[in-house]
Amino acid sequence: MDTGTATIMLDEKGQNSILVDAGANAEVNPNQIDNAEETIKNSDYIIAQFETPIDATIEAFKIAKKNGVVTILNPAPATKVSDALLAVTDIIAPNETESALITGIEVNNEENMLKTAEYFKQKGVNTTLITLGERGVFYANGTHHALVPAHKVKAVDTTGAGDTFIGGLTAILKKDLSNIEKAISYGQKASSITVQTLGAMPSIPTKDKVEEVYGKEF
């Protein structure tokens, strides 16, 4: 069984379309997740998306929730999300397209973004982040909500931007989420560096690179 692969196509504005062959990723199963229980238990966060089977993700999130590990769902590639998965998700971070597909609510204004957050809240998700491209990131957690502005750059290749955002955010996020706005801003800074370079993995910045560009404020 070959590993998963992705072929990335770019337009002249740096926007991408990605053709994925799941390969071995499609074979991940709940039994394998159970065998990794100790690793999950000893983590602060677990992040998942939709390039592996949903039943495996649900099992991983159940183990995480049982052990006080924060669960973060990046619902990409865009698809419907089961209530069973949402029930064990602490933070969901869709983009505009993914959010509308999941909820049926277009995120074209603040009122609808709050409706989206309430939709997820009713499903068991306490914190909603909606990435809005050049407009920034909207977040709501039941007590606070805000639009955190994006950092304006010229995009060469948007491949990996979402993954970089989630990774950067999680890297400095406190487990009680008390620094959520700072973490969002840090994730956006990391992502803004990513989109200025061709490629996926090669364009993801280190902490030192983020600090070199934006300073050591975190």
N, C-alpha and C. Protein backbone atom coordinates (compact mmCIF):
# COMPACT_ATOMS: atom_id res chain seq x y z
N MET A 1 0.85 -1.20 0.00
CA MET A 1 0.00 0.00 0.00
C MET A 1 0.88 1.24 0.00
N ASP A 2 0.70 2.09 -1.00
CA ASP A 2 1.47 3.33 -1.09
C ASP A 2 0.96 4.35 -0.08
N THR A 3 1.83 5.27 0.30
CA THR A 3 1.42 6.37 1.16
C THR A 3 0.52 7.32 0.38
N GLY A 4 -0.22 8.17 1.11
CA GLY A 4 -1.06 9.15 0.45
C GLY A 4 -0.24 10.18 -0.30
N THR A 5 -0.77 10.63 -1.42
CA THR A 5 -0.07 11.64 -2.21
C THR A 5 -1.06 12.70 -2.67
N ALA A 6 -0.54 13.88 -2.99
CA ALA A 6 -1.38 14.97 -3.47
C ALA A 6 -0.68 15.69 -4.61
N THR A 7 -1.45 15.94 -5.67
CA THR A 7 -0.95 16.73 -6.80
C THR A 7 -1.59 18.10 -6.73
N ILE A 8 -0.77 19.14 -6.71
CA ILE A 8 -1.24 20.50 -6.47
C ILE A 8 -1.17 21.31 -7.76
N MET A 9 -2.29 21.96 -8.09
CA MET A 9 -2.36 22.82 -9.28
C MET A 9 -2.62 24.25 -8.84
N LEU A 10 -1.85 25.19 -9.37
CA LEU A 10 -1.96 26.60 -9.00
C LEU A 10 -2.47 27.44 -10.15
N ASP A 11 -3.28 28.47 -9.82
CA ASP A 11 -3.63 29.45 -10.85
C ASP A 11 -2.70 30.65 -10.73
N GLU A 12 -2.91 31.66 -11.56
CA GLU A 12 -1.98 32.79 -11.60
C GLU A 12 -2.05 33.65 -10.35
N LYS A 13 -3.09 33.47 -9.51
CA LYS A 13 -3.21 34.24 -8.28
C LYS A 13 -2.71 33.47 -7.06
N GLY A 14 -2.16 32.28 -7.28
CA GLY A 14 -1.63 31.50 -6.18
C GLY A 14 -2.64 30.62 -5.50
N GLN A 15 -3.90 30.62 -6.01
CA GLN A 15 -4.93 29.75 -5.43
C GLN A 15 -4.73 28.33 -5.96
N ASN A 16 -5.06 27.35 -5.11
CA ASN A 16 -4.75 25.98 -5.50
C ASN A 16 -5.97 25.09 -5.64
N SER A 17 -5.79 24.05 -6.43
CA SER A 17 -6.70 22.90 -6.48
C SER A 17 -5.82 21.68 -6.24
N ILE A 18 -6.31 20.74 -5.43
CA ILE A 18 -5.48 19.62 -5.02
C ILE A 18 -6.17 18.31 -5.35
N LEU A 19 -5.47 17.44 -6.06
CA LEU A 19 -5.95 16.11 -6.40
C LEU A 19 -5.27 15.13 -5.46
N VAL A 20 -6.07 14.39 -4.67
CA VAL A 20 -5.52 13.55 -3.61
C VAL A 20 -5.76 12.07 -3.91
N ASP A 21 -4.72 11.27 -3.72
CA ASP A 21 -4.84 9.81 -3.71
C ASP A 21 -4.56 9.37 -2.28
N ALA A 22 -5.60 8.90 -1.58
CA ALA A 22 -5.50 8.65 -0.14
C ALA A 22 -4.46 7.59 0.20
N GLY A 23 -4.32 6.58 -0.65
CA GLY A 23 -3.35 5.52 -0.36
C GLY A 23 -3.56 4.92 1.02
N ALA A 24 -2.46 4.73 1.76
CA ALA A 24 -2.53 4.10 3.08
C ALA A 24 -3.33 4.92 4.08
N ASN A 25 -3.48 6.23 3.84
CA ASN A 25 -4.29 7.05 4.75
C ASN A 25 -5.70 6.49 4.91
N ALA A 26 -6.24 5.92 3.84
CA ALA A 26 -7.60 5.40 3.86
C ALA A 26 -7.73 4.13 4.69
N GLU A 27 -6.60 3.55 5.08
CA GLU A 27 -6.62 2.29 5.83
C GLU A 27 -6.52 2.49 7.34
N VAL A 28 -6.37 3.74 7.78
CA VAL A 28 -6.31 3.99 9.23
C VAL A 28 -7.64 3.57 9.86
N ASN A 29 -7.58 2.83 10.98
CA ASN A 29 -8.81 2.30 11.57
C ASN A 29 -8.80 2.46 13.09
N PRO A 30 -9.96 2.32 13.73
CA PRO A 30 -10.06 2.52 15.18
C PRO A 30 -9.14 1.62 16.00
N ASN A 31 -8.88 0.41 15.54
CA ASN A 31 -7.96 -0.47 16.29
C ASN A 31 -6.57 0.13 16.35
N GLN A 32 -6.11 0.71 15.26
CA GLN A 32 -4.80 1.37 15.27
C GLN A 32 -4.80 2.56 16.22
N ILE A 33 -5.90 3.26 16.26
CA ILE A 33 -6.02 4.40 17.17
C ILE A 33 -5.96 3.93 18.62
N ASP A 34 -6.65 2.85 18.93
CA ASP A 34 -6.61 2.31 20.29
C ASP A 34 -5.18 1.94 20.69
N ASN A 35 -4.41 1.44 19.74
CA ASN A 35 -3.02 1.09 20.03
C ASN A 35 -2.16 2.33 20.31
N ALA A 36 -2.65 3.48 19.88
CA ALA A 36 -1.92 4.74 20.11
C ALA A 36 -2.48 5.51 21.30
N GLU A 37 -3.27 4.86 22.14
CA GLU A 37 -3.95 5.55 23.23
C GLU A 37 -2.97 6.26 24.16
N GLU A 38 -1.86 5.65 24.50
CA GLU A 38 -0.91 6.27 25.42
C GLU A 38 -0.34 7.56 24.84
N THR A 39 -0.08 7.55 23.54
CA THR A 39 0.43 8.76 22.88
C THR A 39 -0.60 9.87 22.95
N ILE A 40 -1.85 9.52 22.68
CA ILE A 40 -2.92 10.53 22.74
C ILE A 40 -3.08 11.06 24.16
N LYS A 41 -3.09 10.17 25.14
CA LYS A 41 -3.27 10.56 26.54
C LYS A 41 -2.20 11.53 27.02
N ASN A 42 -1.00 11.39 26.49
CA ASN A 42 0.12 12.21 26.93
C ASN A 42 0.31 13.47 26.10
N SER A 43 -0.68 13.80 25.30
CA SER A 43 -0.62 14.99 24.45
C SER A 43 -1.42 16.13 25.07
N ASP A 44 -1.15 17.35 24.64
CA ASP A 44 -1.96 18.50 25.03
C ASP A 44 -3.12 18.71 24.07
N TYR A 45 -2.86 18.46 22.78
CA TYR A 45 -3.85 18.68 21.73
C TYR A 45 -3.80 17.52 20.74
N ILE A 46 -4.92 17.29 20.08
CA ILE A 46 -4.94 16.40 18.93
C ILE A 46 -5.68 17.12 17.81
N ILE A 47 -5.08 17.12 16.62
CA ILE A 47 -5.65 17.80 15.45
C ILE A 47 -5.97 16.76 14.39
N ALA A 48 -7.13 16.89 13.78
CA ALA A 48 -7.51 15.96 12.71
C ALA A 48 -8.17 16.71 11.57
N GLN A 49 -8.10 16.09 10.38
CA GLN A 49 -8.85 16.58 9.23
C GLN A 49 -9.41 15.36 8.50
N PHE A 50 -9.80 15.53 7.24
CA PHE A 50 -10.58 14.49 6.57
C PHE A 50 -9.82 13.72 5.49
N GLU A 51 -8.53 13.51 5.70
CA GLU A 51 -7.78 12.67 4.76
C GLU A 51 -7.55 11.28 5.33
N THR A 52 -8.20 11.00 6.47
CA THR A 52 -8.25 9.65 7.05
C THR A 52 -9.70 9.35 7.41
N PRO A 53 -10.07 8.08 7.60
CA PRO A 53 -11.47 7.73 7.85
C PRO A 53 -12.05 8.38 9.11
N ILE A 54 -13.32 8.77 9.03
CA ILE A 54 -13.98 9.47 10.13
C ILE A 54 -14.07 8.61 11.38
N ASP A 55 -14.31 7.30 11.23
CA ASP A 55 -14.47 6.46 12.43
C ASP A 55 -13.18 6.42 13.25
N ALA A 56 -12.04 6.50 12.58
CA ALA A 56 -10.77 6.55 13.29
C ALA A 56 -10.61 7.88 14.03
N THR A 57 -11.04 8.96 13.38
CA THR A 57 -10.96 10.28 14.02
C THR A 57 -11.86 10.35 15.24
N ILE A 58 -13.06 9.82 15.13
CA ILE A 58 -13.98 9.82 16.27
C ILE A 58 -13.37 9.06 17.44
N GLU A 59 -12.78 7.91 17.16
CA GLU A 59 -12.16 7.12 18.23
C GLU A 59 -11.01 7.90 18.88
N ALA A 60 -10.20 8.55 18.07
CA ALA A 60 -9.09 9.34 18.61
C ALA A 60 -9.59 10.48 19.49
N PHE A 61 -10.63 11.16 19.03
CA PHE A 61 -11.19 12.29 19.79
C PHE A 61 -11.86 11.80 21.08
N LYS A 62 -12.48 10.63 21.04
CA LYS A 62 -13.09 10.09 22.26
C LYS A 62 -12.02 9.82 23.32
N ILE A 63 -10.92 9.22 22.91
CA ILE A 63 -9.81 8.96 23.83
C ILE A 63 -9.27 10.28 24.37
N ALA A 64 -9.13 11.26 23.49
CA ALA A 64 -8.62 12.57 23.90
C ALA A 64 -9.53 13.22 24.93
N LYS A 65 -10.81 13.25 24.64
CA LYS A 65 -11.76 13.90 25.54
C LYS A 65 -11.76 13.23 26.92
N LYS A 66 -11.65 11.92 26.93
CA LYS A 66 -11.63 11.16 28.18
C LYS A 66 -10.43 11.52 29.03
N ASN A 67 -9.37 12.01 28.38
CA ASN A 67 -8.13 12.28 29.08
C ASN A 67 -7.76 13.76 29.13
N GLY A 68 -8.72 14.63 28.87
CA GLY A 68 -8.49 16.06 29.00
C GLY A 68 -7.61 16.66 27.92
N VAL A 69 -7.52 15.99 26.77
CA VAL A 69 -6.74 16.48 25.64
C VAL A 69 -7.66 17.32 24.76
N VAL A 70 -7.24 18.51 24.36
CA VAL A 70 -8.06 19.39 23.54
C VAL A 70 -8.12 18.86 22.11
N THR A 71 -9.33 18.75 21.57
CA THR A 71 -9.53 18.23 20.22
C THR A 71 -9.81 19.36 19.25
N ILE A 72 -9.07 19.37 18.14
CA ILE A 72 -9.19 20.43 17.14
C ILE A 72 -9.48 19.79 15.79
N LEU A 73 -10.57 20.21 15.16
CA LEU A 73 -10.96 19.65 13.87
C LEU A 73 -10.81 20.70 12.77
N ASN A 74 -10.01 20.36 11.77
CA ASN A 74 -9.88 21.16 10.55
C ASN A 74 -10.68 20.41 9.48
N PRO A 75 -11.94 20.79 9.22
CA PRO A 75 -12.83 19.97 8.38
C PRO A 75 -12.55 20.12 6.89
N ALA A 76 -11.38 19.64 6.48
CA ALA A 76 -10.95 19.73 5.09
C ALA A 76 -10.36 18.38 4.67
N PRO A 77 -10.56 17.99 3.42
CA PRO A 77 -11.35 18.64 2.38
C PRO A 77 -12.83 18.75 2.77
N ALA A 78 -13.50 19.74 2.20
CA ALA A 78 -14.88 20.07 2.59
C ALA A 78 -15.81 18.88 2.43
N THR A 79 -16.58 18.59 3.48
CA THR A 79 -17.59 17.55 3.43
C THR A 79 -18.52 17.75 4.61
N LYS A 80 -19.62 17.02 4.64
CA LYS A 80 -20.50 17.05 5.80
C LYS A 80 -19.79 16.42 6.99
N VAL A 81 -20.15 16.84 8.19
CA VAL A 81 -19.52 16.33 9.40
C VAL A 81 -20.57 15.65 10.26
N SER A 82 -20.28 14.46 10.75
CA SER A 82 -21.24 13.72 11.56
C SER A 82 -21.40 14.36 12.93
N ASP A 83 -22.60 14.24 13.49
CA ASP A 83 -22.84 14.75 14.84
C ASP A 83 -21.96 14.03 15.86
N ALA A 84 -21.65 12.77 15.60
CA ALA A 84 -20.81 12.00 16.52
C ALA A 84 -19.43 12.61 16.64
N LEU A 85 -18.90 13.12 15.54
CA LEU A 85 -17.58 13.76 15.57
C LEU A 85 -17.66 15.13 16.22
N LEU A 86 -18.67 15.90 15.88
CA LEU A 86 -18.82 17.24 16.47
C LEU A 86 -18.98 17.15 17.99
N ALA A 87 -19.62 16.10 18.47
CA ALA A 87 -19.86 15.94 19.91
C ALA A 87 -18.58 15.79 20.71
N VAL A 88 -17.49 15.38 20.05
CA VAL A 88 -16.21 15.21 20.76
C VAL A 88 -15.16 16.19 20.25
N THR A 89 -15.61 17.27 19.62
CA THR A 89 -14.70 18.31 19.10
C THR A 89 -14.76 19.55 19.99
N ASP A 90 -13.62 20.02 20.43
CA ASP A 90 -13.55 21.24 21.25
C ASP A 90 -13.48 22.50 20.39
N ILE A 91 -12.65 22.45 19.33
CA ILE A 91 -12.45 23.59 18.45
C ILE A 91 -12.63 23.12 17.01
N ILE A 92 -13.44 23.85 16.25
CA ILE A 92 -13.57 23.55 14.83
C ILE A 92 -13.10 24.77 14.05
N ALA A 93 -12.36 24.52 12.96
CA ALA A 93 -11.74 25.64 12.22
C ALA A 93 -11.95 25.49 10.72
N PRO A 94 -13.19 25.67 10.25
CA PRO A 94 -13.44 25.59 8.80
C PRO A 94 -13.10 26.90 8.10
N ASN A 95 -12.91 26.82 6.78
CA ASN A 95 -12.89 28.06 6.00
C ASN A 95 -14.33 28.39 5.60
N GLU A 96 -14.51 29.44 4.82
CA GLU A 96 -15.86 29.88 4.47
C GLU A 96 -16.65 28.80 3.74
N THR A 97 -16.02 28.16 2.77
CA THR A 97 -16.69 27.13 1.98
C THR A 97 -17.07 25.93 2.83
N GLU A 98 -16.13 25.47 3.64
CA GLU A 98 -16.37 24.32 4.51
C GLU A 98 -17.47 24.61 5.51
N SER A 99 -17.44 25.81 6.09
CA SER A 99 -18.44 26.19 7.08
C SER A 99 -19.85 26.16 6.48
N ALA A 100 -20.00 26.76 5.30
CA ALA A 100 -21.32 26.81 4.65
C ALA A 100 -21.81 25.41 4.28
N LEU A 101 -20.90 24.54 3.84
CA LEU A 101 -21.29 23.18 3.48
C LEU A 101 -21.77 22.40 4.69
N ILE A 102 -21.10 22.58 5.81
CA ILE A 102 -21.45 21.83 7.02
C ILE A 102 -22.77 22.32 7.61
N THR A 103 -22.94 23.64 7.68
CA THR A 103 -24.07 24.21 8.42
C THR A 103 -25.23 24.66 7.55
N GLY A 104 -24.97 24.92 6.27
CA GLY A 104 -25.99 25.51 5.40
C GLY A 104 -26.13 27.00 5.58
N ILE A 105 -25.23 27.61 6.36
CA ILE A 105 -25.28 29.06 6.64
C ILE A 105 -24.11 29.74 5.93
N GLU A 106 -24.40 30.69 5.04
CA GLU A 106 -23.35 31.45 4.39
C GLU A 106 -22.72 32.41 5.40
N VAL A 107 -21.40 32.45 5.46
CA VAL A 107 -20.74 33.31 6.46
C VAL A 107 -20.37 34.65 5.83
N ASN A 108 -21.39 35.37 5.38
CA ASN A 108 -21.18 36.62 4.67
C ASN A 108 -21.36 37.86 5.54
N ASN A 109 -21.67 37.68 6.81
CA ASN A 109 -21.75 38.80 7.74
C ASN A 109 -21.62 38.27 9.17
N GLU A 110 -21.46 39.21 10.12
CA GLU A 110 -21.23 38.80 11.51
C GLU A 110 -22.42 38.04 12.08
N GLU A 111 -23.62 38.45 11.73
CA GLU A 111 -24.80 37.76 12.24
C GLU A 111 -24.78 36.28 11.86
N ASN A 112 -24.46 35.99 10.61
CA ASN A 112 -24.43 34.61 10.17
C ASN A 112 -23.25 33.84 10.75
N MET A 113 -22.15 34.54 11.01
CA MET A 113 -21.02 33.88 11.67
C MET A 113 -21.40 33.46 13.09
N LEU A 114 -22.14 34.33 13.77
CA LEU A 114 -22.59 33.99 15.13
C LEU A 114 -23.61 32.85 15.08
N LYS A 115 -24.46 32.83 14.05
CA LYS A 115 -25.38 31.71 13.88
C LYS A 115 -24.63 30.41 13.65
N THR A 116 -23.54 30.51 12.89
CA THR A 116 -22.71 29.34 12.63
C THR A 116 -22.10 28.83 13.93
N ALA A 117 -21.57 29.75 14.73
CA ALA A 117 -20.99 29.36 16.02
C ALA A 117 -22.04 28.72 16.92
N GLU A 118 -23.25 29.24 16.89
CA GLU A 118 -24.33 28.68 17.70
C GLU A 118 -24.70 27.29 17.20
N TYR A 119 -24.70 27.10 15.88
CA TYR A 119 -24.96 25.78 15.30
C TYR A 119 -23.96 24.77 15.86
N PHE A 120 -22.68 25.12 15.82
CA PHE A 120 -21.67 24.20 16.32
C PHE A 120 -21.78 24.01 17.83
N LYS A 121 -22.13 25.09 18.54
CA LYS A 121 -22.30 24.99 19.99
C LYS A 121 -23.38 23.97 20.34
N GLN A 122 -24.48 24.00 19.60
CA GLN A 122 -25.58 23.06 19.84
C GLN A 122 -25.15 21.62 19.56
N LYS A 123 -24.14 21.45 18.73
CA LYS A 123 -23.63 20.12 18.41
C LYS A 123 -22.55 19.66 19.39
N GLY A 124 -22.13 20.57 20.28
CA GLY A 124 -21.14 20.19 21.28
C GLY A 124 -19.78 20.84 21.14
N VAL A 125 -19.60 21.70 20.11
CA VAL A 125 -18.31 22.36 19.87
C VAL A 125 -18.30 23.71 20.58
N ASN A 126 -17.39 23.90 21.51
CA ASN A 126 -17.40 25.13 22.31
C ASN A 126 -16.79 26.34 21.59
N THR A 127 -15.82 26.10 20.73
CA THR A 127 -15.11 27.20 20.08
C THR A 127 -15.12 27.02 18.57
N THR A 128 -15.56 28.06 17.87
CA THR A 128 -15.58 28.06 16.41
C THR A 128 -14.62 29.11 15.88
N LEU A 129 -13.76 28.70 14.94
CA LEU A 129 -12.91 29.62 14.20
C LEU A 129 -13.29 29.49 12.73
N ILE A 130 -13.53 30.59 12.06
CA ILE A 130 -13.82 30.56 10.62
C ILE A 130 -12.75 31.38 9.92
N THR A 131 -11.94 30.72 9.08
CA THR A 131 -10.91 31.43 8.35
C THR A 131 -11.53 32.08 7.12
N LEU A 132 -11.26 33.37 6.95
CA LEU A 132 -11.92 34.18 5.93
C LEU A 132 -10.93 34.76 4.92
N GLY A 133 -9.83 34.06 4.71
CA GLY A 133 -8.85 34.52 3.73
C GLY A 133 -8.28 35.87 4.11
N GLU A 134 -8.28 36.80 3.17
CA GLU A 134 -7.66 38.11 3.39
C GLU A 134 -8.40 38.96 4.42
N ARG A 135 -9.65 38.55 4.79
CA ARG A 135 -10.38 39.31 5.80
C ARG A 135 -9.94 38.95 7.22
N GLY A 136 -9.34 37.78 7.42
CA GLY A 136 -8.88 37.38 8.73
C GLY A 136 -9.56 36.14 9.24
N VAL A 137 -9.70 36.04 10.56
CA VAL A 137 -10.32 34.87 11.20
C VAL A 137 -11.35 35.35 12.21
N PHE A 138 -12.57 34.84 12.07
CA PHE A 138 -13.63 35.10 13.05
C PHE A 138 -13.61 33.98 14.07
N TYR A 139 -13.72 34.35 15.36
CA TYR A 139 -13.85 33.29 16.37
C TYR A 139 -14.98 33.63 17.33
N ALA A 140 -15.57 32.58 17.89
CA ALA A 140 -16.61 32.73 18.91
C ALA A 140 -16.52 31.54 19.85
N ASN A 141 -16.61 31.83 21.15
CA ASN A 141 -16.50 30.74 22.13
C ASN A 141 -17.60 30.76 23.19
N GLY A 142 -18.69 31.43 22.88
CA GLY A 142 -19.80 31.48 23.83
C GLY A 142 -19.79 32.71 24.71
N THR A 143 -18.60 33.20 25.06
CA THR A 143 -18.50 34.41 25.89
C THR A 143 -17.90 35.58 25.13
N HIS A 144 -17.06 35.30 24.15
CA HIS A 144 -16.44 36.35 23.35
C HIS A 144 -16.49 35.98 21.87
N HIS A 145 -16.49 37.01 21.04
CA HIS A 145 -16.34 36.79 19.61
C HIS A 145 -15.66 38.01 19.02
N ALA A 146 -14.91 37.79 17.95
CA ALA A 146 -14.18 38.89 17.31
C ALA A 146 -13.69 38.45 15.94
N LEU A 147 -13.39 39.43 15.11
CA LEU A 147 -12.71 39.19 13.85
C LEU A 147 -11.27 39.64 14.02
N VAL A 148 -10.35 38.70 13.93
CA VAL A 148 -8.93 39.00 14.04
C VAL A 148 -8.41 39.27 12.63
N PRO A 149 -7.96 40.49 12.35
CA PRO A 149 -7.58 40.85 10.97
C PRO A 149 -6.42 40.03 10.43
N ALA A 150 -6.40 39.83 9.13
CA ALA A 150 -5.31 39.12 8.47
C ALA A 150 -4.12 40.05 8.28
N HIS A 151 -2.98 39.48 7.97
CA HIS A 151 -1.78 40.24 7.64
C HIS A 151 -1.66 40.29 6.12
N LYS A 152 -1.66 41.48 5.57
CA LYS A 152 -1.71 41.66 4.12
C LYS A 152 -0.36 41.34 3.47
N VAL A 153 -0.37 40.36 2.59
CA VAL A 153 0.83 39.99 1.84
C VAL A 153 0.42 39.62 0.42
N LYS A 154 1.39 39.50 -0.46
CA LYS A 154 1.12 39.06 -1.83
C LYS A 154 1.28 37.54 -1.88
N ALA A 155 0.18 36.84 -2.13
CA ALA A 155 0.20 35.38 -2.13
C ALA A 155 0.78 34.85 -3.44
N VAL A 156 1.73 33.94 -3.31
CA VAL A 156 2.32 33.26 -4.45
C VAL A 156 1.73 31.86 -4.58
N ASP A 157 1.51 31.20 -3.43
CA ASP A 157 1.01 29.83 -3.40
C ASP A 157 0.31 29.61 -2.07
N THR A 158 -1.00 29.41 -2.10
CA THR A 158 -1.76 29.26 -0.85
C THR A 158 -1.75 27.84 -0.30
N THR A 159 -1.07 26.93 -0.98
CA THR A 159 -1.00 25.55 -0.51
C THR A 159 -0.35 25.49 0.88
N GLY A 160 -1.02 24.82 1.80
CA GLY A 160 -0.48 24.67 3.15
C GLY A 160 -0.83 25.80 4.10
N ALA A 161 -1.53 26.81 3.60
CA ALA A 161 -1.85 27.96 4.45
C ALA A 161 -2.72 27.58 5.64
N GLY A 162 -3.75 26.78 5.38
CA GLY A 162 -4.64 26.37 6.46
C GLY A 162 -3.95 25.50 7.48
N ASP A 163 -3.13 24.56 7.01
CA ASP A 163 -2.40 23.69 7.93
C ASP A 163 -1.41 24.49 8.77
N THR A 164 -0.75 25.45 8.14
CA THR A 164 0.19 26.30 8.87
C THR A 164 -0.52 27.12 9.93
N PHE A 165 -1.70 27.64 9.57
CA PHE A 165 -2.48 28.42 10.54
C PHE A 165 -2.83 27.58 11.76
N ILE A 166 -3.36 26.39 11.53
CA ILE A 166 -3.76 25.53 12.64
C ILE A 166 -2.54 25.15 13.49
N GLY A 167 -1.44 24.80 12.81
CA GLY A 167 -0.24 24.42 13.54
C GLY A 167 0.34 25.55 14.35
N GLY A 168 0.41 26.75 13.74
CA GLY A 168 0.93 27.90 14.45
C GLY A 168 0.07 28.28 15.64
N LEU A 169 -1.23 28.30 15.43
CA LEU A 169 -2.17 28.61 16.51
C LEU A 169 -1.97 27.66 17.68
N THR A 170 -1.95 26.36 17.39
CA THR A 170 -1.86 25.35 18.44
C THR A 170 -0.52 25.41 19.16
N ALA A 171 0.52 25.83 18.46
CA ALA A 171 1.86 25.86 19.05
C ALA A 171 1.93 26.77 20.26
N ILE A 172 1.13 27.86 20.29
CA ILE A 172 1.21 28.78 21.43
C ILE A 172 -0.09 28.83 22.23
N LEU A 173 -1.10 28.07 21.82
CA LEU A 173 -2.39 28.13 22.49
C LEU A 173 -2.32 27.49 23.88
N LYS A 174 -2.84 28.21 24.88
CA LYS A 174 -2.94 27.64 26.23
C LYS A 174 -4.11 26.68 26.29
N LYS A 175 -4.00 25.65 27.13
CA LYS A 175 -5.03 24.63 27.16
C LYS A 175 -6.39 25.17 27.61
N ASP A 176 -6.38 26.26 28.39
CA ASP A 176 -7.65 26.86 28.78
C ASP A 176 -8.16 27.85 27.74
N LEU A 177 -7.43 27.99 26.63
CA LEU A 177 -7.78 28.86 25.50
C LEU A 177 -7.84 30.33 25.87
N SER A 178 -7.23 30.70 26.99
CA SER A 178 -7.31 32.08 27.45
C SER A 178 -6.58 33.07 26.54
N ASN A 179 -5.67 32.57 25.70
CA ASN A 179 -4.93 33.46 24.78
C ASN A 179 -5.35 33.21 23.34
N ILE A 180 -6.62 32.89 23.14
CA ILE A 180 -7.09 32.48 21.81
C ILE A 180 -6.82 33.54 20.75
N GLU A 181 -7.03 34.82 21.06
CA GLU A 181 -6.80 35.85 20.03
C GLU A 181 -5.33 35.95 19.66
N LYS A 182 -4.45 35.89 20.64
CA LYS A 182 -3.02 35.93 20.34
C LYS A 182 -2.61 34.71 19.53
N ALA A 183 -3.18 33.56 19.87
CA ALA A 183 -2.85 32.33 19.14
C ALA A 183 -3.33 32.41 17.70
N ILE A 184 -4.53 32.97 17.49
CA ILE A 184 -5.03 33.16 16.13
C ILE A 184 -4.10 34.08 15.35
N SER A 185 -3.70 35.19 15.97
CA SER A 185 -2.82 36.14 15.29
C SER A 185 -1.49 35.49 14.93
N TYR A 186 -0.95 34.68 15.85
CA TYR A 186 0.31 34.00 15.57
C TYR A 186 0.15 33.02 14.41
N GLY A 187 -0.95 32.27 14.42
CA GLY A 187 -1.21 31.35 13.31
C GLY A 187 -1.33 32.07 11.99
N GLN A 188 -1.97 33.24 11.99
CA GLN A 188 -2.08 34.03 10.77
C GLN A 188 -0.72 34.54 10.29
N LYS A 189 0.12 34.94 11.23
CA LYS A 189 1.45 35.41 10.85
C LYS A 189 2.25 34.28 10.20
N ALA A 190 2.19 33.11 10.81
CA ALA A 190 2.89 31.96 10.23
C ALA A 190 2.34 31.66 8.83
N SER A 191 1.02 31.69 8.71
CA SER A 191 0.38 31.39 7.43
C SER A 191 0.72 32.44 6.38
N SER A 192 0.84 33.70 6.79
CA SER A 192 1.16 34.76 5.83
C SER A 192 2.55 34.57 5.23
N ILE A 193 3.43 33.96 5.99
CA ILE A 193 4.77 33.64 5.47
C ILE A 193 4.68 32.48 4.49
N THR A 194 3.88 31.49 4.84
CA THR A 194 3.72 30.31 3.99
C THR A 194 3.28 30.67 2.57
N VAL A 195 2.28 31.56 2.45
CA VAL A 195 1.70 31.83 1.13
C VAL A 195 2.61 32.65 0.24
N GLN A 196 3.72 33.14 0.78
CA GLN A 196 4.64 33.93 -0.03
C GLN A 196 5.73 33.10 -0.71
N THR A 197 5.66 31.77 -0.49
CA THR A 197 6.68 30.87 -1.03
C THR A 197 6.01 29.69 -1.72
N LEU A 198 6.58 29.24 -2.82
CA LEU A 198 6.04 28.07 -3.52
C LEU A 198 6.27 26.80 -2.71
N GLY A 199 5.30 25.88 -2.82
CA GLY A 199 5.44 24.59 -2.16
C GLY A 199 4.64 24.51 -0.89
N ALA A 200 4.45 23.29 -0.41
CA ALA A 200 3.70 23.07 0.82
C ALA A 200 4.66 22.99 2.01
N MET A 201 5.26 21.84 2.24
CA MET A 201 6.17 21.69 3.37
C MET A 201 7.32 22.70 3.38
N PRO A 202 7.97 22.95 2.23
CA PRO A 202 9.11 23.88 2.28
C PRO A 202 8.75 25.30 2.68
N SER A 203 7.48 25.66 2.54
CA SER A 203 7.09 27.05 2.81
C SER A 203 6.64 27.27 4.25
N ILE A 204 6.49 26.22 5.03
CA ILE A 204 6.01 26.37 6.41
C ILE A 204 7.14 26.90 7.28
N PRO A 205 6.94 28.04 7.95
CA PRO A 205 8.04 28.66 8.69
C PRO A 205 8.28 28.04 10.06
N THR A 206 9.49 28.13 10.52
CA THR A 206 9.83 27.78 11.90
C THR A 206 9.44 28.94 12.82
N LYS A 207 9.46 28.68 14.12
CA LYS A 207 9.22 29.74 15.10
C LYS A 207 10.23 30.87 14.92
N ASP A 208 11.50 30.52 14.67
CA ASP A 208 12.53 31.54 14.48
C ASP A 208 12.21 32.43 13.28
N LYS A 209 11.67 31.82 12.22
CA LYS A 209 11.33 32.60 11.03
C LYS A 209 10.18 33.55 11.31
N VAL A 210 9.17 33.09 12.03
CA VAL A 210 8.04 33.97 12.38
C VAL A 210 8.53 35.15 13.21
N GLU A 211 9.41 34.86 14.16
CA GLU A 211 9.94 35.93 15.01
C GLU A 211 10.84 36.88 14.22
N GLU A 212 11.57 36.35 13.24
CA GLU A 212 12.41 37.19 12.40
C GLU A 212 11.57 38.19 11.62
N VAL A 213 10.40 37.76 11.15
CA VAL A 213 9.55 38.61 10.32
C VAL A 213 8.69 39.53 11.17
N TYR A 214 8.14 39.01 12.27
CA TYR A 214 7.15 39.76 13.04
C TYR A 214 7.57 40.15 14.45
N GLY A 215 8.75 39.70 14.89
CA GLY A 215 9.20 40.05 16.24
C GLY A 215 8.80 39.02 17.27
N LYS A 216 9.39 39.13 18.45
CA LYS A 216 9.19 38.14 19.53
C LYS A 216 8.13 38.63 20.50
N GLU A 217 6.89 38.70 20.06
CA GLU A 217 5.83 39.21 20.93
C GLU A 217 5.05 38.09 21.62
N PHE A 218 5.40 36.83 21.33
CA PHE A 218 4.66 35.73 21.92
C PHE A 218 5.54 34.93 22.87
